[in-house]
Amino acid sequence: MKAMVAVSAVVALGLAAGCSGSDDAGRPGRAAGGRGEGKDTRDAVRVLSPAQLQHVELGPHEVPGFQIEKASTGAAGHGRPGTDRAACRPLVDALGSQPRPQPVASVVNTFAKAGEGMDFEGLMGMIRVSAYGRDGAATTLRDLRSAATECADGFGMRTGEGEPQEFSSVRTLGAPEVGDEAVAYRLENAAERAPSLITVVRSGSTLAMFFATSLSDPGDVEIPRELVRAQVEKVEVAERKAPTVPPPPASGAGEGGEAGDSAG
């Protein structure tokens, strides 16, 4: 069995997500619900080119205990998912393969926790690293914070393929102590025992988004800190070599999020 096969099951169940820097009880890494508002996003930023972004992907065995494999950008599904609550649109977009604001480029990898002899232990998920121009990365985190607050009592969605999903709650978890700012959430699936977990870390103009679930032990699912740390470190090394992009105009017009829409 390969990690890609395991994660295909995650996608089919609509369970793409990830938490980090806290356990299932929601004990915080630094501050529950997110870590800071980050640096002033009006400063000039360094934006990774599509070619540079290829070098931030983790290797197959780069993080001990995990099998990591390259995936297509459509691994989270095809088409843009819909939602019955406009305020929840940022969370729905995070779970799909067409995030808003749209990044300059993205790379996607799947991972599965593997034990001795590379037997898979239930934890599986996906890492999507996206480079944004100007303030797109900061906008995405700001919109996620707002959506998690507004949609704490849950929301319905429809995948890009038209499959209905229902989440009974959105719970804020402690964010990892890495990057410029970070958020972490747990989404309870109304139909499945396995929760969906999401962690997003911003380093400059780049977002590392972690999604995970565990079908064998849903009560203890998490994104291990070493996986998050390894990915963010590679992003930050690449960013130090990236070209600088001037700050947005004084009017503040940048990459804004889109309003939510109906699942239809």
C-alpha atoms as a PDB file:
ATOM      1  CA  MET A   1       0.000   0.000   0.000  1.00  0.00           C
ATOM      2  CA  LYS A   2       1.374   3.404  -0.889  1.00  0.00           C
ATOM      3  CA  ALA A   3       0.753   6.796   0.712  1.00  0.00           C
ATOM      4  CA  MET A   4      -1.003   7.999  -2.433  1.00  0.00           C
ATOM      5  CA  VAL A   5      -3.541   5.198  -2.125  1.00  0.00           C
ATOM      6  CA  ALA A   6      -4.153   6.084   1.513  1.00  0.00           C
ATOM      7  CA  VAL A   7      -4.627   9.766   0.803  1.00  0.00           C
ATOM      8  CA  SER A   8      -6.963   8.985  -2.099  1.00  0.00           C
ATOM      9  CA  ALA A   9      -9.255   7.549   0.552  1.00  0.00           C
ATOM     10  CA  VAL A  10      -8.988  10.809   2.500  1.00  0.00           C
ATOM     11  CA  VAL A  11      -9.965  12.862  -0.535  1.00  0.00           C
ATOM     12  CA  ALA A  12     -12.861  10.548  -1.356  1.00  0.00           C
ATOM     13  CA  LEU A  13     -14.221  11.028   2.167  1.00  0.00           C
ATOM     14  CA  GLY A  14     -13.792  14.778   2.036  1.00  0.00           C
ATOM     15  CA  LEU A  15     -11.356  14.653   4.942  1.00  0.00           C
ATOM     16  CA  ALA A  16      -8.446  16.836   3.853  1.00  0.00           C
ATOM     17  CA  ALA A  17      -7.104  18.897   6.783  1.00  0.00           C
ATOM     18  CA  GLY A  18      -4.423  19.262   9.535  1.00  0.00           C
ATOM     19  CA  CYS A  19      -3.534  20.530  13.030  1.00  0.00           C
ATOM     20  CA  SER A  20      -0.108  21.169  14.436  1.00  0.00           C
ATOM     21  CA  GLY A  21       1.588  22.380  17.553  1.00  0.00           C
ATOM     22  CA  SER A  22      -1.265  21.066  19.730  1.00  0.00           C
ATOM     23  CA  ASP A  23      -2.863  17.789  20.585  1.00  0.00           C
ATOM     24  CA  ASP A  24      -6.488  16.741  20.148  1.00  0.00           C
ATOM     25  CA  ALA A  25      -7.407  18.382  23.421  1.00  0.00           C
ATOM     26  CA  GLY A  26      -6.545  21.692  21.823  1.00  0.00           C
ATOM     27  CA  ARG A  27      -3.650  22.531  24.119  1.00  0.00           C
ATOM     28  CA  PRO A  28      -2.028  25.567  22.535  1.00  0.00           C
ATOM     29  CA  GLY A  29       1.371  25.822  20.931  1.00  0.00           C
ATOM     30  CA  ARG A  30       1.672  29.567  21.644  1.00  0.00           C
ATOM     31  CA  ALA A  31      -1.796  31.093  21.367  1.00  0.00           C
ATOM     32  CA  ALA A  32      -5.035  29.205  20.851  1.00  0.00           C
ATOM     33  CA  GLY A  33      -6.566  29.868  17.466  1.00  0.00           C
ATOM     34  CA  GLY A  34      -3.567  31.357  15.781  1.00  0.00           C
ATOM     35  CA  ARG A  35      -0.192  32.879  16.377  1.00  0.00           C
ATOM     36  CA  GLY A  36      -0.012  36.592  15.915  1.00  0.00           C
ATOM     37  CA  GLU A  37      -1.134  38.671  12.980  1.00  0.00           C
ATOM     38  CA  GLY A  38       2.336  38.436  11.473  1.00  0.00           C
ATOM     39  CA  LYS A  39       4.598  41.069  10.014  1.00  0.00           C
ATOM     40  CA  ASP A  40       3.314  44.210   8.335  1.00  0.00           C
ATOM     41  CA  THR A  41       2.057  42.893   5.004  1.00  0.00           C
ATOM     42  CA  ARG A  42       2.595  46.321   3.426  1.00  0.00           C
ATOM     43  CA  ASP A  43       6.343  45.711   3.402  1.00  0.00           C
ATOM     44  CA  ALA A  44       8.100  44.487   0.270  1.00  0.00           C
ATOM     45  CA  VAL A  45       7.951  40.688   0.123  1.00  0.00           C
ATOM     46  CA  ARG A  46       9.938  37.891  -1.462  1.00  0.00           C
ATOM     47  CA  VAL A  47       7.866  35.752  -3.822  1.00  0.00           C
ATOM     48  CA  LEU A  48       8.953  32.243  -4.808  1.00  0.00           C
ATOM     49  CA  SER A  49       8.882  31.560  -8.541  1.00  0.00           C
ATOM     50  CA  PRO A  50       7.257  28.325  -9.788  1.00  0.00           C
ATOM     51  CA  ALA A  51      10.753  26.908 -10.369  1.00  0.00           C
ATOM     52  CA  GLN A  52      11.902  27.801  -6.853  1.00  0.00           C
ATOM     53  CA  LEU A  53       8.727  26.357  -5.377  1.00  0.00           C
ATOM     54  CA  GLN A  54       9.653  22.937  -6.763  1.00  0.00           C
ATOM     55  CA  HIS A  55      12.658  22.892  -4.420  1.00  0.00           C
ATOM     56  CA  VAL A  56      10.626  23.275  -1.217  1.00  0.00           C
ATOM     57  CA  GLU A  57       8.929  19.885  -1.540  1.00  0.00           C
ATOM     58  CA  LEU A  58       9.908  17.338   1.097  1.00  0.00           C
ATOM     59  CA  GLY A  59      11.640  14.206  -0.166  1.00  0.00           C
ATOM     60  CA  PRO A  60      10.037  10.723   0.128  1.00  0.00           C
ATOM     61  CA  HIS A  61      11.867   9.894   3.382  1.00  0.00           C
ATOM     62  CA  GLU A  62      13.120  13.339   4.391  1.00  0.00           C
ATOM     63  CA  VAL A  63      11.112  13.273   7.624  1.00  0.00           C
ATOM     64  CA  PRO A  64      11.759   9.995   9.497  1.00  0.00           C
ATOM     65  CA  GLY A  65       8.645   7.926  10.042  1.00  0.00           C
ATOM     66  CA  PHE A  66       6.726   9.360   7.094  1.00  0.00           C
ATOM     67  CA  GLN A  67       6.215   8.362   3.490  1.00  0.00           C
ATOM     68  CA  ILE A  68       5.896  11.510   1.353  1.00  0.00           C
ATOM     69  CA  GLU A  69       4.876  11.449  -2.301  1.00  0.00           C
ATOM     70  CA  LYS A  70       4.373  14.083  -4.966  1.00  0.00           C
ATOM     71  CA  ALA A  71       0.771  14.666  -5.978  1.00  0.00           C
ATOM     72  CA  SER A  72      -1.068  16.732  -8.569  1.00  0.00           C
ATOM     73  CA  THR A  73      -2.497  20.132  -7.639  1.00  0.00           C
ATOM     74  CA  GLY A  74      -5.942  18.568  -8.117  1.00  0.00           C
ATOM     75  CA  ALA A  75      -5.370  15.972  -5.396  1.00  0.00           C
ATOM     76  CA  ALA A  76      -7.984  17.678  -3.205  1.00  0.00           C
ATOM     77  CA  GLY A  77     -10.596  17.285  -5.932  1.00  0.00           C
ATOM     78  CA  HIS A  78     -11.546  18.936  -9.199  1.00  0.00           C
ATOM     79  CA  GLY A  79     -13.652  22.044  -9.550  1.00  0.00           C
ATOM     80  CA  ARG A  80     -14.363  24.637  -6.904  1.00  0.00           C
ATOM     81  CA  PRO A  81     -16.447  23.374  -3.965  1.00  0.00           C
ATOM     82  CA  GLY A  82     -19.582  25.207  -2.857  1.00  0.00           C
ATOM     83  CA  THR A  83     -21.055  26.008   0.553  1.00  0.00           C
ATOM     84  CA  ASP A  84     -24.441  26.848   2.025  1.00  0.00           C
ATOM     85  CA  ARG A  85     -22.925  29.645   4.143  1.00  0.00           C
ATOM     86  CA  ALA A  86     -21.095  32.554   2.530  1.00  0.00           C
ATOM     87  CA  ALA A  87     -19.086  33.257   5.691  1.00  0.00           C
ATOM     88  CA  CYS A  88     -17.592  29.737   5.505  1.00  0.00           C
ATOM     89  CA  ARG A  89     -16.252  30.136   1.958  1.00  0.00           C
ATOM     90  CA  PRO A  90     -12.563  30.507   3.070  1.00  0.00           C
ATOM     91  CA  LEU A  91     -12.709  27.159   4.909  1.00  0.00           C
ATOM     92  CA  VAL A  92     -14.350  25.467   1.932  1.00  0.00           C
ATOM     93  CA  ASP A  93     -11.790  26.919  -0.457  1.00  0.00           C
ATOM     94  CA  ALA A  94      -8.993  25.630   1.781  1.00  0.00           C
ATOM     95  CA  LEU A  95     -10.424  22.108   1.485  1.00  0.00           C
ATOM     96  CA  GLY A  96     -10.602  22.298  -2.312  1.00  0.00           C
ATOM     97  CA  SER A  97      -8.001  22.486  -5.057  1.00  0.00           C
ATOM     98  CA  GLN A  98      -8.782  26.059  -6.156  1.00  0.00           C
ATOM     99  CA  PRO A  99      -7.867  28.336  -3.215  1.00  0.00           C
ATOM    100  CA  ARG A 100      -8.871  31.998  -3.163  1.00  0.00           C
ATOM    101  CA  PRO A 101      -7.041  34.321  -3.458  1.00  0.00           C
ATOM    102  CA  GLN A 102      -5.350  32.374  -6.244  1.00  0.00           C
ATOM    103  CA  PRO A 103      -1.644  31.702  -5.621  1.00  0.00           C
ATOM    104  CA  VAL A 104       1.080  32.317  -8.188  1.00  0.00           C
ATOM    105  CA  ALA A 105       1.967  28.620  -8.032  1.00  0.00           C
ATOM    106  CA  SER A 106       1.515  25.581  -5.773  1.00  0.00           C
ATOM    107  CA  VAL A 107       3.105  22.207  -5.136  1.00  0.00           C
ATOM    108  CA  VAL A 108       1.233  19.356  -3.462  1.00  0.00           C
ATOM    109  CA  ASN A 109       2.511  16.289  -1.645  1.00  0.00           C
ATOM    110  CA  THR A 110       0.733  13.515   0.226  1.00  0.00           C
ATOM    111  CA  PHE A 111       2.034  11.950   3.407  1.00  0.00           C
ATOM    112  CA  ALA A 112       1.276   8.957   5.567  1.00  0.00           C
ATOM    113  CA  LYS A 113       2.728   7.987   8.911  1.00  0.00           C
ATOM    114  CA  ALA A 114       4.670   4.760   8.513  1.00  0.00           C
ATOM    115  CA  GLY A 115       5.958   2.416  11.167  1.00  0.00           C
ATOM    116  CA  GLU A 116       8.589  -0.273  11.112  1.00  0.00           C
ATOM    117  CA  GLY A 117       8.805  -1.858   7.678  1.00  0.00           C
ATOM    118  CA  MET A 118       6.835   1.106   6.279  1.00  0.00           C
ATOM    119  CA  ASP A 119       3.500  -0.292   7.445  1.00  0.00           C
ATOM    120  CA  PHE A 120       0.999   2.571   7.425  1.00  0.00           C
ATOM    121  CA  GLU A 121      -0.489   3.553  10.772  1.00  0.00           C
ATOM    122  CA  GLY A 122      -3.660   5.399   9.842  1.00  0.00           C
ATOM    123  CA  LEU A 123      -2.467   9.014   9.848  1.00  0.00           C
ATOM    124  CA  MET A 124      -2.612  10.384   6.319  1.00  0.00           C
ATOM    125  CA  GLY A 125      -2.895  13.732   4.657  1.00  0.00           C
ATOM    126  CA  MET A 126      -1.615  16.333   2.274  1.00  0.00           C
ATOM    127  CA  ILE A 127       0.748  19.320   2.226  1.00  0.00           C
ATOM    128  CA  ARG A 128       0.103  22.182  -0.183  1.00  0.00           C
ATOM    129  CA  VAL A 129       2.744  24.914  -0.427  1.00  0.00           C
ATOM    130  CA  SER A 130       1.620  28.005  -2.335  1.00  0.00           C
ATOM    131  CA  ALA A 131       3.465  31.176  -3.333  1.00  0.00           C
ATOM    132  CA  TYR A 132       1.395  34.367  -3.431  1.00  0.00           C
ATOM    133  CA  GLY A 133       2.021  37.791  -4.855  1.00  0.00           C
ATOM    134  CA  ARG A 134       1.795  40.789  -2.534  1.00  0.00           C
ATOM    135  CA  ASP A 135      -0.713  40.290   0.307  1.00  0.00           C
ATOM    136  CA  GLY A 136      -2.487  37.117  -0.888  1.00  0.00           C
ATOM    137  CA  ALA A 137      -0.985  34.881   1.810  1.00  0.00           C
ATOM    138  CA  ALA A 138      -1.879  37.257   4.648  1.00  0.00           C
ATOM    139  CA  THR A 139      -5.378  37.740   3.210  1.00  0.00           C
ATOM    140  CA  THR A 140      -5.937  33.983   3.183  1.00  0.00           C
ATOM    141  CA  LEU A 141      -5.063  33.657   6.877  1.00  0.00           C
ATOM    142  CA  ARG A 142      -7.184  36.650   7.825  1.00  0.00           C
ATOM    143  CA  ASP A 143     -10.173  35.189   5.992  1.00  0.00           C
ATOM    144  CA  LEU A 144      -9.657  31.772   7.599  1.00  0.00           C
ATOM    145  CA  ARG A 145      -9.688  33.319  11.065  1.00  0.00           C
ATOM    146  CA  SER A 146     -12.937  35.086  10.311  1.00  0.00           C
ATOM    147  CA  ALA A 147     -14.547  31.984   8.796  1.00  0.00           C
ATOM    148  CA  ALA A 148     -13.584  29.770  11.741  1.00  0.00           C
ATOM    149  CA  THR A 149     -15.248  32.207  14.129  1.00  0.00           C
ATOM    150  CA  GLU A 150     -18.384  32.648  12.036  1.00  0.00           C
ATOM    151  CA  CYS A 151     -18.746  28.930  11.313  1.00  0.00           C
ATOM    152  CA  ALA A 152     -17.951  27.440  14.717  1.00  0.00           C
ATOM    153  CA  ASP A 153     -21.365  25.739  14.664  1.00  0.00           C
ATOM    154  CA  GLY A 154     -20.584  23.960  11.401  1.00  0.00           C
ATOM    155  CA  PHE A 155     -21.441  24.268   7.738  1.00  0.00           C
ATOM    156  CA  GLY A 156     -22.422  22.253   4.707  1.00  0.00           C
ATOM    157  CA  MET A 157     -20.438  22.033   1.511  1.00  0.00           C
ATOM    158  CA  ARG A 158     -20.447  20.322  -1.837  1.00  0.00           C
ATOM    159  CA  THR A 159     -17.179  19.096  -3.333  1.00  0.00           C
ATOM    160  CA  GLY A 160     -16.064  20.110  -6.816  1.00  0.00           C
ATOM    161  CA  GLU A 161     -17.378  16.740  -7.969  1.00  0.00           C
ATOM    162  CA  GLY A 162     -20.792  17.505  -6.461  1.00  0.00           C
ATOM    163  CA  GLU A 163     -20.585  15.255  -3.380  1.00  0.00           C
ATOM    164  CA  PRO A 164     -22.289  16.691  -0.263  1.00  0.00           C
ATOM    165  CA  GLN A 165     -20.332  17.051   2.988  1.00  0.00           C
ATOM    166  CA  GLU A 166     -21.537  18.250   6.379  1.00  0.00           C
ATOM    167  CA  PHE A 167     -19.353  19.525   9.212  1.00  0.00           C
ATOM    168  CA  SER A 168     -21.014  19.807  12.614  1.00  0.00           C
ATOM    169  CA  SER A 169     -18.446  22.160  14.134  1.00  0.00           C
ATOM    170  CA  VAL A 170     -15.203  24.064  13.570  1.00  0.00           C
ATOM    171  CA  ARG A 171     -12.904  24.077  16.573  1.00  0.00           C
ATOM    172  CA  THR A 172      -9.902  26.370  16.951  1.00  0.00           C
ATOM    173  CA  LEU A 173      -6.677  24.702  18.098  1.00  0.00           C
ATOM    174  CA  GLY A 174      -3.281  25.951  19.170  1.00  0.00           C
ATOM    175  CA  ALA A 175      -1.071  27.081  16.302  1.00  0.00           C
ATOM    176  CA  PRO A 176       2.508  25.887  15.735  1.00  0.00           C
ATOM    177  CA  GLU A 177       5.375  28.160  16.738  1.00  0.00           C
ATOM    178  CA  VAL A 178       6.832  28.512  13.258  1.00  0.00           C
ATOM    179  CA  GLY A 179       6.649  31.006  10.402  1.00  0.00           C
ATOM    180  CA  ASP A 180       5.350  34.573  10.643  1.00  0.00           C
ATOM    181  CA  GLU A 181       1.858  33.517  11.706  1.00  0.00           C
ATOM    182  CA  ALA A 182      -0.192  30.340  11.821  1.00  0.00           C
ATOM    183  CA  VAL A 183      -3.682  28.970  12.457  1.00  0.00           C
ATOM    184  CA  ALA A 184      -5.016  25.502  13.231  1.00  0.00           C
ATOM    185  CA  TYR A 185      -8.554  24.104  13.173  1.00  0.00           C
ATOM    186  CA  ARG A 186     -10.433  20.851  13.696  1.00  0.00           C
ATOM    187  CA  LEU A 187     -13.534  20.197  11.610  1.00  0.00           C
ATOM    188  CA  GLU A 188     -15.923  17.519  12.853  1.00  0.00           C
ATOM    189  CA  ASN A 189     -17.520  15.560  10.038  1.00  0.00           C
ATOM    190  CA  ALA A 190     -21.199  14.939  10.762  1.00  0.00           C
ATOM    191  CA  ALA A 191     -21.218  11.594   8.931  1.00  0.00           C
ATOM    192  CA  GLU A 192     -17.730  10.167   9.516  1.00  0.00           C
ATOM    193  CA  ARG A 193     -15.925   9.424  12.780  1.00  0.00           C
ATOM    194  CA  ALA A 194     -12.631  10.799  11.452  1.00  0.00           C
ATOM    195  CA  PRO A 195     -12.240  14.586  11.871  1.00  0.00           C
ATOM    196  CA  SER A 196     -10.648  16.878   9.317  1.00  0.00           C
ATOM    197  CA  LEU A 197      -7.723  18.957  10.563  1.00  0.00           C
ATOM    198  CA  ILE A 198      -6.238  22.063   8.978  1.00  0.00           C
ATOM    199  CA  THR A 199      -3.078  23.966   9.832  1.00  0.00           C
ATOM    200  CA  VAL A 200      -1.819  26.900   7.783  1.00  0.00           C
ATOM    201  CA  VAL A 201       1.575  28.556   8.307  1.00  0.00           C
ATOM    202  CA  ARG A 202       2.570  31.792   6.592  1.00  0.00           C
ATOM    203  CA  SER A 203       6.237  32.532   5.932  1.00  0.00           C
ATOM    204  CA  GLY A 204       6.418  35.850   4.115  1.00  0.00           C
ATOM    205  CA  SER A 205       4.316  35.492   0.961  1.00  0.00           C
ATOM    206  CA  THR A 206       4.222  31.680   1.073  1.00  0.00           C
ATOM    207  CA  LEU A 207       1.629  29.453   2.750  1.00  0.00           C
ATOM    208  CA  ALA A 208       2.274  25.898   3.873  1.00  0.00           C
ATOM    209  CA  MET A 209      -1.110  24.226   4.349  1.00  0.00           C
ATOM    210  CA  PHE A 210      -1.341  20.880   6.125  1.00  0.00           C
ATOM    211  CA  PHE A 211      -4.397  18.620   5.932  1.00  0.00           C
ATOM    212  CA  ALA A 212      -4.799  15.328   7.792  1.00  0.00           C
ATOM    213  CA  THR A 213      -7.086  12.682   9.219  1.00  0.00           C
ATOM    214  CA  SER A 214      -6.715   9.273  10.795  1.00  0.00           C
ATOM    215  CA  LEU A 215      -9.124   6.480   9.982  1.00  0.00           C
ATOM    216  CA  SER A 216      -7.625   4.070  12.525  1.00  0.00           C
ATOM    217  CA  ASP A 217      -7.388   6.459  15.508  1.00  0.00           C
ATOM    218  CA  PRO A 218      -9.565   9.547  14.880  1.00  0.00           C
ATOM    219  CA  GLY A 219      -9.414  10.584  18.535  1.00  0.00           C
ATOM    220  CA  ASP A 220      -5.667  11.167  18.430  1.00  0.00           C
ATOM    221  CA  VAL A 221      -5.114  12.671  14.984  1.00  0.00           C
ATOM    222  CA  GLU A 222      -2.564  15.463  14.601  1.00  0.00           C
ATOM    223  CA  ILE A 223       0.094  16.782  12.264  1.00  0.00           C
ATOM    224  CA  PRO A 224       3.393  15.930  13.954  1.00  0.00           C
ATOM    225  CA  ARG A 225       5.521  18.944  14.729  1.00  0.00           C
ATOM    226  CA  GLU A 226       8.572  17.548  12.958  1.00  0.00           C
ATOM    227  CA  LEU A 227       6.657  17.409   9.667  1.00  0.00           C
ATOM    228  CA  VAL A 228       5.525  21.029   9.957  1.00  0.00           C
ATOM    229  CA  ARG A 229       8.951  22.224  11.061  1.00  0.00           C
ATOM    230  CA  ALA A 230      10.749  20.464   8.212  1.00  0.00           C
ATOM    231  CA  GLN A 231       8.414  21.912   5.583  1.00  0.00           C
ATOM    232  CA  VAL A 232       8.479  25.467   6.923  1.00  0.00           C
ATOM    233  CA  GLU A 233      12.281  25.430   7.194  1.00  0.00           C
ATOM    234  CA  LYS A 234      12.565  24.515   3.501  1.00  0.00           C
ATOM    235  CA  VAL A 235      10.164  27.299   2.574  1.00  0.00           C
ATOM    236  CA  GLU A 236      12.111  29.885   4.554  1.00  0.00           C
ATOM    237  CA  VAL A 237      15.453  28.839   3.061  1.00  0.00           C
ATOM    238  CA  ALA A 238      13.988  29.231  -0.437  1.00  0.00           C
ATOM    239  CA  GLU A 239      12.403  32.592   0.402  1.00  0.00           C
ATOM    240  CA  ARG A 240      15.756  34.057   1.406  1.00  0.00           C
ATOM    241  CA  LYS A 241      16.873  33.481  -2.194  1.00  0.00           C
ATOM    242  CA  ALA A 242      13.664  34.745  -3.832  1.00  0.00           C
ATOM    243  CA  PRO A 243      13.345  38.116  -5.621  1.00  0.00           C
ATOM    244  CA  THR A 244      11.723  41.035  -3.793  1.00  0.00           C
ATOM    245  CA  VAL A 245       8.331  42.344  -4.916  1.00  0.00           C
ATOM    246  CA  PRO A 246       7.404  45.973  -4.048  1.00  0.00           C
ATOM    247  CA  PRO A 247       4.612  46.585  -1.509  1.00  0.00           C
ATOM    248  CA  PRO A 248       1.034  47.121  -2.753  1.00  0.00           C
ATOM    249  CA  PRO A 249      -0.254  50.650  -3.512  1.00  0.00           C
ATOM    250  CA  ALA A 250      -1.155  52.965  -0.640  1.00  0.00           C
ATOM    251  CA  SER A 251      -4.834  52.478  -1.446  1.00  0.00           C
ATOM    252  CA  GLY A 252      -4.518  48.996   0.025  1.00  0.00           C
ATOM    253  CA  ALA A 253      -5.844  47.333  -3.101  1.00  0.00           C
ATOM    254  CA  GLY A 254      -4.340  43.873  -3.056  1.00  0.00           C
ATOM    255  CA  GLU A 255      -5.386  40.296  -3.448  1.00  0.00           C
ATOM    256  CA  GLY A 256      -8.670  40.169  -1.617  1.00  0.00           C
ATOM    257  CA  GLY A 257     -10.689  37.047  -0.847  1.00  0.00           C
ATOM    258  CA  GLU A 258     -13.909  36.314  -2.667  1.00  0.00           C
ATOM    259  CA  ALA A 259     -17.336  36.415  -1.137  1.00  0.00           C
ATOM    260  CA  GLY A 260     -18.887  33.031  -0.438  1.00  0.00           C
ATOM    261  CA  ASP A 261     -21.484  31.481  -2.621  1.00  0.00           C
ATOM    262  CA  SER A 262     -24.194  28.914  -2.405  1.00  0.00           C
ATOM    263  CA  ALA A 263     -23.656  25.199  -2.852  1.00  0.00           C
ATOM    264  CA  GLY A 264     -26.567  25.033  -5.248  1.00  0.00           C
END
